[in-house]
C-alpha atoms as a PDB file:
ATOM      1  CA  UNK A   1      20.437  15.156 -74.984  1.00  0.00           C
ATOM      2  CA  UNK A   2      20.815  18.818 -75.970  1.00  0.00           C
ATOM      3  CA  UNK A   3      24.558  18.400 -76.543  1.00  0.00           C
ATOM      4  CA  UNK A   4      23.901  15.451 -78.875  1.00  0.00           C
ATOM      5  CA  UNK A   5      21.213  17.460 -80.679  1.00  0.00           C
ATOM      6  CA  UNK A   6      23.657  20.334 -81.166  1.00  0.00           C
ATOM      7  CA  UNK A   7      26.372  18.047 -82.492  1.00  0.00           C
ATOM      8  CA  UNK A   8      23.983  16.431 -84.944  1.00  0.00           C
ATOM      9  CA  UNK A   9      22.586  19.709 -86.298  1.00  0.00           C
ATOM     10  CA  UNK A  10      25.860  21.660 -86.318  1.00  0.00           C
ATOM     11  CA  UNK A  11      28.688  19.143 -85.972  1.00  0.00           C
ATOM     12  CA  UNK A  12      31.472  18.789 -83.423  1.00  0.00           C
ATOM     13  CA  UNK A  13      33.230  22.124 -83.018  1.00  0.00           C
ATOM     14  CA  UNK A  14      35.908  23.381 -80.592  1.00  0.00           C
ATOM     15  CA  UNK A  15      34.380  25.795 -78.110  1.00  0.00           C
ATOM     16  CA  UNK A  16      36.521  28.665 -79.362  1.00  0.00           C
ATOM     17  CA  UNK A  17      34.982  28.156 -82.831  1.00  0.00           C
ATOM     18  CA  UNK A  18      31.407  28.555 -81.588  1.00  0.00           C
ATOM     19  CA  UNK A  19      30.332  32.109 -82.360  1.00  0.00           C
ATOM     20  CA  UNK A  20      27.012  33.928 -82.539  1.00  0.00           C
ATOM     21  CA  UNK A  21      26.380  32.700 -86.066  1.00  0.00           C
ATOM     22  CA  UNK A  22      26.776  29.062 -84.977  1.00  0.00           C
ATOM     23  CA  UNK A  23      24.455  29.520 -81.985  1.00  0.00           C
ATOM     24  CA  UNK A  24      21.865  31.216 -84.181  1.00  0.00           C
ATOM     25  CA  UNK A  25      22.157  28.494 -86.823  1.00  0.00           C
ATOM     26  CA  UNK A  26      21.478  25.829 -84.181  1.00  0.00           C
ATOM     27  CA  UNK A  27      18.296  27.581 -83.103  1.00  0.00           C
ATOM     28  CA  UNK A  28      17.076  28.071 -86.694  1.00  0.00           C
ATOM     29  CA  UNK A  29      17.719  24.443 -87.611  1.00  0.00           C
ATOM     30  CA  UNK A  30      15.940  23.206 -84.494  1.00  0.00           C
ATOM     31  CA  UNK A  31      12.867  25.309 -85.331  1.00  0.00           C
ATOM     32  CA  UNK A  32      12.679  23.552 -88.720  1.00  0.00           C
ATOM     33  CA  UNK A  33      12.184  20.182 -87.002  1.00  0.00           C
ATOM     34  CA  UNK A  34       8.686  18.742 -86.491  1.00  0.00           C
ATOM     35  CA  UNK A  35       7.554  19.254 -82.890  1.00  0.00           C
ATOM     36  CA  UNK A  36       7.281  15.473 -82.365  1.00  0.00           C
ATOM     37  CA  UNK A  37      10.463  14.529 -84.220  1.00  0.00           C
ATOM     38  CA  UNK A  38      11.709  12.383 -81.320  1.00  0.00           C
ATOM     39  CA  UNK A  39       8.476  10.401 -80.795  1.00  0.00           C
ATOM     40  CA  UNK A  40       6.740  10.056 -84.178  1.00  0.00           C
ATOM     41  CA  UNK A  41       7.003   6.475 -85.427  1.00  0.00           C
ATOM     42  CA  UNK A  42       8.219   7.500 -88.894  1.00  0.00           C
ATOM     43  CA  UNK A  43      11.110   9.549 -87.471  1.00  0.00           C
ATOM     44  CA  UNK A  44      12.098   8.172 -84.083  1.00  0.00           C
ATOM     45  CA  UNK A  45      14.913   6.026 -85.528  1.00  0.00           C
ATOM     46  CA  UNK A  46      16.333   8.910 -87.602  1.00  0.00           C
ATOM     47  CA  UNK A  47      18.838  11.535 -86.522  1.00  0.00           C
ATOM     48  CA  UNK A  48      17.598  15.148 -86.556  1.00  0.00           C
ATOM     49  CA  UNK A  49      19.565  15.961 -89.735  1.00  0.00           C
ATOM     50  CA  UNK A  50      18.010  12.943 -91.445  1.00  0.00           C
ATOM     51  CA  UNK A  51      14.554  14.107 -90.362  1.00  0.00           C
ATOM     52  CA  UNK A  52      15.193  17.547 -91.880  1.00  0.00           C
ATOM     53  CA  UNK A  53      16.181  15.884 -95.159  1.00  0.00           C
ATOM     54  CA  UNK A  54      13.071  13.694 -95.078  1.00  0.00           C
ATOM     55  CA  UNK A  55      10.855  16.737 -94.537  1.00  0.00           C
ATOM     56  CA  UNK A  56      12.492  18.594 -97.452  1.00  0.00           C
ATOM     57  CA  UNK A  57      11.595  15.688 -99.775  1.00  0.00           C
ATOM     58  CA  UNK A  58       7.870  16.101 -99.019  1.00  0.00           C
ATOM     59  CA  UNK A  59       5.729  18.160-101.356  1.00  0.00           C
ATOM     60  CA  UNK A  60       4.900  21.725-100.379  1.00  0.00           C
ATOM     61  CA  UNK A  61       1.372  20.913 -99.181  1.00  0.00           C
ATOM     62  CA  UNK A  62       2.643  18.137 -96.896  1.00  0.00           C
ATOM     63  CA  UNK A  63       5.353  20.391 -95.489  1.00  0.00           C
ATOM     64  CA  UNK A  64       2.829  23.098 -94.618  1.00  0.00           C
ATOM     65  CA  UNK A  65       0.813  20.600 -92.577  1.00  0.00           C
ATOM     66  CA  UNK A  66       3.770  19.755 -90.348  1.00  0.00           C
ATOM     67  CA  UNK A  67       3.674  21.442 -86.970  1.00  0.00           C
ATOM     68  CA  UNK A  68       7.188  22.681 -86.220  1.00  0.00           C
ATOM     69  CA  UNK A  69       9.151  22.871 -82.962  1.00  0.00           C
ATOM     70  CA  UNK A  70       8.263  25.839 -80.764  1.00  0.00           C
ATOM     71  CA  UNK A  71      10.287  28.796 -79.526  1.00  0.00           C
ATOM     72  CA  UNK A  72       9.610  27.635 -75.971  1.00  0.00           C
ATOM     73  CA  UNK A  73      11.345  24.306 -76.597  1.00  0.00           C
ATOM     74  CA  UNK A  74      14.126  26.059 -78.504  1.00  0.00           C
ATOM     75  CA  UNK A  75      14.686  28.271 -75.452  1.00  0.00           C
ATOM     76  CA  UNK A  76      14.980  25.181 -73.240  1.00  0.00           C
ATOM     77  CA  UNK A  77      17.704  23.731 -75.456  1.00  0.00           C
ATOM     78  CA  UNK A  78      19.561  27.050 -75.683  1.00  0.00           C
ATOM     79  CA  UNK A  79      19.380  27.458 -71.880  1.00  0.00           C
ATOM     80  CA  UNK A  80      20.722  23.921 -71.475  1.00  0.00           C
ATOM     81  CA  UNK A  81      23.691  24.887 -73.673  1.00  0.00           C
ATOM     82  CA  UNK A  82      24.194  28.084 -71.662  1.00  0.00           C
ATOM     83  CA  UNK A  83      24.334  26.092 -68.432  1.00  0.00           C
ATOM     84  CA  UNK A  84      26.501  23.338 -69.959  1.00  0.00           C
ATOM     85  CA  UNK A  85      29.002  25.947 -71.157  1.00  0.00           C
ATOM     86  CA  UNK A  86      29.102  27.584 -67.707  1.00  0.00           C
ATOM     87  CA  UNK A  87      29.574  24.193 -66.033  1.00  0.00           C
ATOM     88  CA  UNK A  88      32.559  23.423 -68.259  1.00  0.00           C
ATOM     89  CA  UNK A  89      34.075  26.836 -67.512  1.00  0.00           C
ATOM     90  CA  UNK A  90      33.513  26.394 -63.772  1.00  0.00           C
ATOM     91  CA  UNK A  91      35.174  22.977 -63.788  1.00  0.00           C
ATOM     92  CA  UNK A  92      38.046  24.354 -65.923  1.00  0.00           C
ATOM     93  CA  UNK A  93      37.279  22.096 -68.874  1.00  0.00           C
ATOM     94  CA  UNK A  94      37.326  25.178 -71.125  1.00  0.00           C
ATOM     95  CA  UNK A  95      38.763  28.664 -70.791  1.00  0.00           C
ATOM     96  CA  UNK A  96      36.829  30.713 -68.261  1.00  0.00           C
ATOM     97  CA  UNK A  97      37.136  33.883 -70.361  1.00  0.00           C
ATOM     98  CA  UNK A  98      35.390  32.455 -73.438  1.00  0.00           C
ATOM     99  CA  UNK A  99      32.243  34.471 -74.093  1.00  0.00           C
ATOM    100  CA  UNK A 100      29.094  32.339 -73.667  1.00  0.00           C
ATOM    101  CA  UNK A 101      27.394  33.360 -76.903  1.00  0.00           C
ATOM    102  CA  UNK A 102      24.351  31.155 -76.398  1.00  0.00           C
ATOM    103  CA  UNK A 103      23.002  33.707 -73.918  1.00  0.00           C
ATOM    104  CA  UNK A 104      22.230  36.073 -76.775  1.00  0.00           C
ATOM    105  CA  UNK A 105      19.923  33.549 -78.428  1.00  0.00           C
ATOM    106  CA  UNK A 106      17.214  33.258 -75.784  1.00  0.00           C
ATOM    107  CA  UNK A 107      14.031  34.841 -77.099  1.00  0.00           C
ATOM    108  CA  UNK A 108      11.676  36.783 -74.859  1.00  0.00           C
ATOM    109  CA  UNK A 109       8.745  34.691 -73.662  1.00  0.00           C
ATOM    110  CA  UNK A 110       5.241  36.021 -74.388  1.00  0.00           C
ATOM    111  CA  UNK A 111       3.437  37.641 -71.487  1.00  0.00           C
ATOM    112  CA  UNK A 112      -0.150  38.515 -70.688  1.00  0.00           C
ATOM    113  CA  UNK A 113      -2.730  37.604 -73.333  1.00  0.00           C
ATOM    114  CA  UNK A 114      -0.078  36.330 -75.759  1.00  0.00           C
ATOM    115  CA  UNK A 115       1.179  33.856 -73.148  1.00  0.00           C
ATOM    116  CA  UNK A 116      -2.334  32.658 -72.330  1.00  0.00           C
ATOM    117  CA  UNK A 117      -3.059  32.001 -75.981  1.00  0.00           C
ATOM    118  CA  UNK A 118       0.025  29.794 -76.425  1.00  0.00           C
ATOM    119  CA  UNK A 119      -1.798  26.824 -74.902  1.00  0.00           C
ATOM    120  CA  UNK A 120      -5.449  25.913 -75.112  1.00  0.00           C
ATOM    121  CA  UNK A 121      -7.301  26.531 -71.866  1.00  0.00           C
ATOM    122  CA  UNK A 122      -9.481  23.903 -70.262  1.00  0.00           C
ATOM    123  CA  UNK A 123     -13.114  24.347 -71.282  1.00  0.00           C
ATOM    124  CA  UNK A 124     -15.616  24.805 -68.402  1.00  0.00           C
ATOM    125  CA  UNK A 125     -16.933  21.291 -69.042  1.00  0.00           C
ATOM    126  CA  UNK A 126     -13.533  19.779 -68.188  1.00  0.00           C
ATOM    127  CA  UNK A 127     -13.254  21.914 -65.041  1.00  0.00           C
ATOM    128  CA  UNK A 128     -16.675  20.696 -63.889  1.00  0.00           C
ATOM    129  CA  UNK A 129     -15.724  17.111 -64.695  1.00  0.00           C
ATOM    130  CA  UNK A 130     -12.604  17.299 -62.502  1.00  0.00           C
ATOM    131  CA  UNK A 131     -14.159  19.049 -59.522  1.00  0.00           C
ATOM    132  CA  UNK A 132     -17.251  16.841 -59.548  1.00  0.00           C
ATOM    133  CA  UNK A 133     -15.284  13.597 -59.916  1.00  0.00           C
ATOM    134  CA  UNK A 134     -15.181  10.905 -57.192  1.00  0.00           C
ATOM    135  CA  UNK A 135     -11.657  12.127 -56.354  1.00  0.00           C
ATOM    136  CA  UNK A 136     -13.357  15.163 -54.754  1.00  0.00           C
ATOM    137  CA  UNK A 137     -16.881  14.056 -53.955  1.00  0.00           C
ATOM    138  CA  UNK A 138     -16.019  10.591 -52.658  1.00  0.00           C
ATOM    139  CA  UNK A 139     -14.730   7.372 -54.195  1.00  0.00           C
ATOM    140  CA  UNK A 140     -15.269   3.646 -53.629  1.00  0.00           C
ATOM    141  CA  UNK A 141     -11.780   3.059 -52.151  1.00  0.00           C
ATOM    142  CA  UNK A 142      -8.172   4.171 -52.463  1.00  0.00           C
ATOM    143  CA  UNK A 143      -7.824   1.640 -55.290  1.00  0.00           C
ATOM    144  CA  UNK A 144     -11.124   2.537 -56.984  1.00  0.00           C
ATOM    145  CA  UNK A 145     -10.991   6.298 -57.255  1.00  0.00           C
ATOM    146  CA  UNK A 146     -13.043   6.500 -60.436  1.00  0.00           C
ATOM    147  CA  UNK A 147     -16.034   4.805 -58.775  1.00  0.00           C
ATOM    148  CA  UNK A 148     -18.388   6.942 -56.645  1.00  0.00           C
ATOM    149  CA  UNK A 149     -18.394   6.180 -52.939  1.00  0.00           C
ATOM    150  CA  UNK A 150     -17.954   7.726 -49.516  1.00  0.00           C
ATOM    151  CA  UNK A 151     -14.145   7.865 -49.138  1.00  0.00           C
ATOM    152  CA  UNK A 152     -11.946  10.914 -49.808  1.00  0.00           C
ATOM    153  CA  UNK A 153      -8.208  10.261 -49.620  1.00  0.00           C
ATOM    154  CA  UNK A 154      -6.066  13.365 -49.095  1.00  0.00           C
ATOM    155  CA  UNK A 155      -2.872  11.683 -50.311  1.00  0.00           C
ATOM    156  CA  UNK A 156      -0.262  12.616 -52.909  1.00  0.00           C
ATOM    157  CA  UNK A 157      -2.478  11.663 -55.860  1.00  0.00           C
ATOM    158  CA  UNK A 158      -5.188  13.967 -54.539  1.00  0.00           C
ATOM    159  CA  UNK A 159      -2.970  17.002 -53.837  1.00  0.00           C
ATOM    160  CA  UNK A 160      -0.585  16.753 -56.806  1.00  0.00           C
ATOM    161  CA  UNK A 161      -3.573  16.687 -59.169  1.00  0.00           C
ATOM    162  CA  UNK A 162      -4.922  19.945 -57.785  1.00  0.00           C
ATOM    163  CA  UNK A 163      -1.526  21.617 -57.398  1.00  0.00           C
ATOM    164  CA  UNK A 164      -0.973  21.039 -61.102  1.00  0.00           C
ATOM    165  CA  UNK A 165      -4.403  22.328 -62.077  1.00  0.00           C
ATOM    166  CA  UNK A 166      -4.594  25.381 -59.814  1.00  0.00           C
ATOM    167  CA  UNK A 167      -0.915  26.379 -59.438  1.00  0.00           C
ATOM    168  CA  UNK A 168       0.544  25.402 -62.805  1.00  0.00           C
ATOM    169  CA  UNK A 169       3.128  23.073 -61.233  1.00  0.00           C
ATOM    170  CA  UNK A 170       4.611  20.255 -63.253  1.00  0.00           C
ATOM    171  CA  UNK A 171       4.382  16.798 -61.738  1.00  0.00           C
ATOM    172  CA  UNK A 172       8.072  16.698 -60.796  1.00  0.00           C
ATOM    173  CA  UNK A 173       7.905  20.188 -59.267  1.00  0.00           C
ATOM    174  CA  UNK A 174       5.115  19.126 -56.925  1.00  0.00           C
ATOM    175  CA  UNK A 175       6.440  15.648 -56.119  1.00  0.00           C
ATOM    176  CA  UNK A 176       9.990  16.779 -55.306  1.00  0.00           C
ATOM    177  CA  UNK A 177       8.975  19.383 -52.711  1.00  0.00           C
ATOM    178  CA  UNK A 178       9.860  19.234 -49.032  1.00  0.00           C
ATOM    179  CA  UNK A 179       7.699  20.571 -46.210  1.00  0.00           C
ATOM    180  CA  UNK A 180      10.151  23.470 -45.797  1.00  0.00           C
ATOM    181  CA  UNK A 181       9.413  24.584 -49.369  1.00  0.00           C
ATOM    182  CA  UNK A 182       6.083  25.854 -48.071  1.00  0.00           C
ATOM    183  CA  UNK A 183       6.793  29.374 -46.844  1.00  0.00           C
ATOM    184  CA  UNK A 184       4.842  32.508 -45.952  1.00  0.00           C
ATOM    185  CA  UNK A 185       5.018  36.146 -46.905  1.00  0.00           C
ATOM    186  CA  UNK A 186       3.369  38.825 -44.804  1.00  0.00           C
ATOM    187  CA  UNK A 187       0.686  40.896 -46.534  1.00  0.00           C
ATOM    188  CA  UNK A 188      -1.816  43.457 -45.298  1.00  0.00           C
ATOM    189  CA  UNK A 189      -4.412  40.664 -45.311  1.00  0.00           C
ATOM    190  CA  UNK A 190      -2.227  38.321 -43.254  1.00  0.00           C
ATOM    191  CA  UNK A 191       0.338  35.613 -44.097  1.00  0.00           C
ATOM    192  CA  UNK A 192       0.206  34.374 -47.681  1.00  0.00           C
ATOM    193  CA  UNK A 193       1.517  30.787 -48.108  1.00  0.00           C
ATOM    194  CA  UNK A 194       3.461  29.850 -51.196  1.00  0.00           C
ATOM    195  CA  UNK A 195       5.561  26.975 -52.505  1.00  0.00           C
ATOM    196  CA  UNK A 196       9.213  27.750 -53.204  1.00  0.00           C
ATOM    197  CA  UNK A 197      10.207  26.053 -56.475  1.00  0.00           C
ATOM    198  CA  UNK A 198      13.942  25.533 -56.919  1.00  0.00           C
ATOM    199  CA  UNK A 199      16.085  22.903 -58.699  1.00  0.00           C
ATOM    200  CA  UNK A 200      13.405  22.505 -61.333  1.00  0.00           C
ATOM    201  CA  UNK A 201      13.686  21.432 -64.955  1.00  0.00           C
ATOM    202  CA  UNK A 202      15.637  24.571 -65.886  1.00  0.00           C
ATOM    203  CA  UNK A 203      17.067  27.459 -63.891  1.00  0.00           C
ATOM    204  CA  UNK A 204      14.460  29.749 -65.472  1.00  0.00           C
ATOM    205  CA  UNK A 205      11.707  27.638 -63.857  1.00  0.00           C
ATOM    206  CA  UNK A 206      12.672  28.739 -60.330  1.00  0.00           C
ATOM    207  CA  UNK A 207       9.789  30.703 -58.845  1.00  0.00           C
ATOM    208  CA  UNK A 208       7.467  31.138 -55.867  1.00  0.00           C
ATOM    209  CA  UNK A 209       3.978  29.743 -56.511  1.00  0.00           C
ATOM    210  CA  UNK A 210       1.210  31.101 -54.223  1.00  0.00           C
ATOM    211  CA  UNK A 211      -1.105  28.448 -52.800  1.00  0.00           C
ATOM    212  CA  UNK A 212      -4.633  29.332 -53.962  1.00  0.00           C
ATOM    213  CA  UNK A 213      -7.524  29.758 -51.557  1.00  0.00           C
ATOM    214  CA  UNK A 214      -9.209  26.683 -53.044  1.00  0.00           C
ATOM    215  CA  UNK A 215      -6.428  24.384 -51.790  1.00  0.00           C
ATOM    216  CA  UNK A 216      -6.285  26.152 -48.427  1.00  0.00           C
ATOM    217  CA  UNK A 217     -10.053  25.661 -48.000  1.00  0.00           C
ATOM    218  CA  UNK A 218      -9.587  21.981 -48.855  1.00  0.00           C
ATOM    219  CA  UNK A 219      -7.180  21.674 -45.900  1.00  0.00           C
ATOM    220  CA  UNK A 220      -3.843  21.569 -47.715  1.00  0.00           C
ATOM    221  CA  UNK A 221      -1.818  23.101 -44.857  1.00  0.00           C
ATOM    222  CA  UNK A 222      -3.533  20.966 -42.218  1.00  0.00           C
ATOM    223  CA  UNK A 223      -2.815  17.774 -44.151  1.00  0.00           C
ATOM    224  CA  UNK A 224       0.664  18.573 -45.450  1.00  0.00           C
ATOM    225  CA  UNK A 225       2.353  21.332 -43.434  1.00  0.00           C
ATOM    226  CA  UNK A 226       1.387  21.760 -39.794  1.00  0.00           C
ATOM    227  CA  UNK A 227       3.162  19.480 -37.307  1.00  0.00           C
ATOM    228  CA  UNK A 228       5.813  18.281 -39.765  1.00  0.00           C
ATOM    229  CA  UNK A 229       9.587  18.854 -40.009  1.00  0.00           C
ATOM    230  CA  UNK A 230      10.939  21.157 -42.781  1.00  0.00           C
ATOM    231  CA  UNK A 231      13.262  18.486 -44.208  1.00  0.00           C
ATOM    232  CA  UNK A 232      10.479  15.898 -44.586  1.00  0.00           C
ATOM    233  CA  UNK A 233       9.308  15.129 -48.147  1.00  0.00           C
ATOM    234  CA  UNK A 234       6.003  16.858 -48.761  1.00  0.00           C
ATOM    235  CA  UNK A 235       4.689  13.607 -50.212  1.00  0.00           C
ATOM    236  CA  UNK A 236       6.557  10.756 -48.480  1.00  0.00           C
ATOM    237  CA  UNK A 237       4.170   8.163 -49.877  1.00  0.00           C
ATOM    238  CA  UNK A 238       5.762   8.742 -53.306  1.00  0.00           C
ATOM    239  CA  UNK A 239       9.165   7.542 -52.079  1.00  0.00           C
ATOM    240  CA  UNK A 240       9.662   3.804 -52.841  1.00  0.00           C
END
């Protein structure tokens, strides 16, 4: 998808003609696109270059209201091009000594307060709604989880929900884990369990995510780790 996006915004070029100016131009053009250019009904049947032309025809006030693509998404596309280039070099589809100029067009991600302010946080009311829902307090049945009852099902739906909320894992990152991805690091307060994230959406997503005390107190290790083989899927019930 990224390769097609590049070809539409820049055109088909030989690899030895792609220089820093071309890589930078791709990033700048992408950042001019509306953030929902590939899903919005008015634009989904148009190519990216056609969308840019359509936006330019709008009056100034309408253009200012359009929310543009983000640097985070631009980084994902640039990283995809970095990895695609390296794959072609590794498989000898292009010269191995060609300089991968896309690497110089990855912007630094915000950290600390700036990173927190990139996305709206859940308000306390939403937190209370989740942790007081029948999923936690007891539901009618495994098929009626929104209805209050006496059953609590510690299955994939239960754990993946809370891994996403408390650990910041994407759905695929949680669902694709194996039991052996749960590992421990020794600390002065004892072993600290964490989930080893590899082979994620991008290479930059690889990380070790500590398992919070909340999930440990809810019995995560007892339900999903102890007594199981490392090569078992962490959530076998998700496998058809």
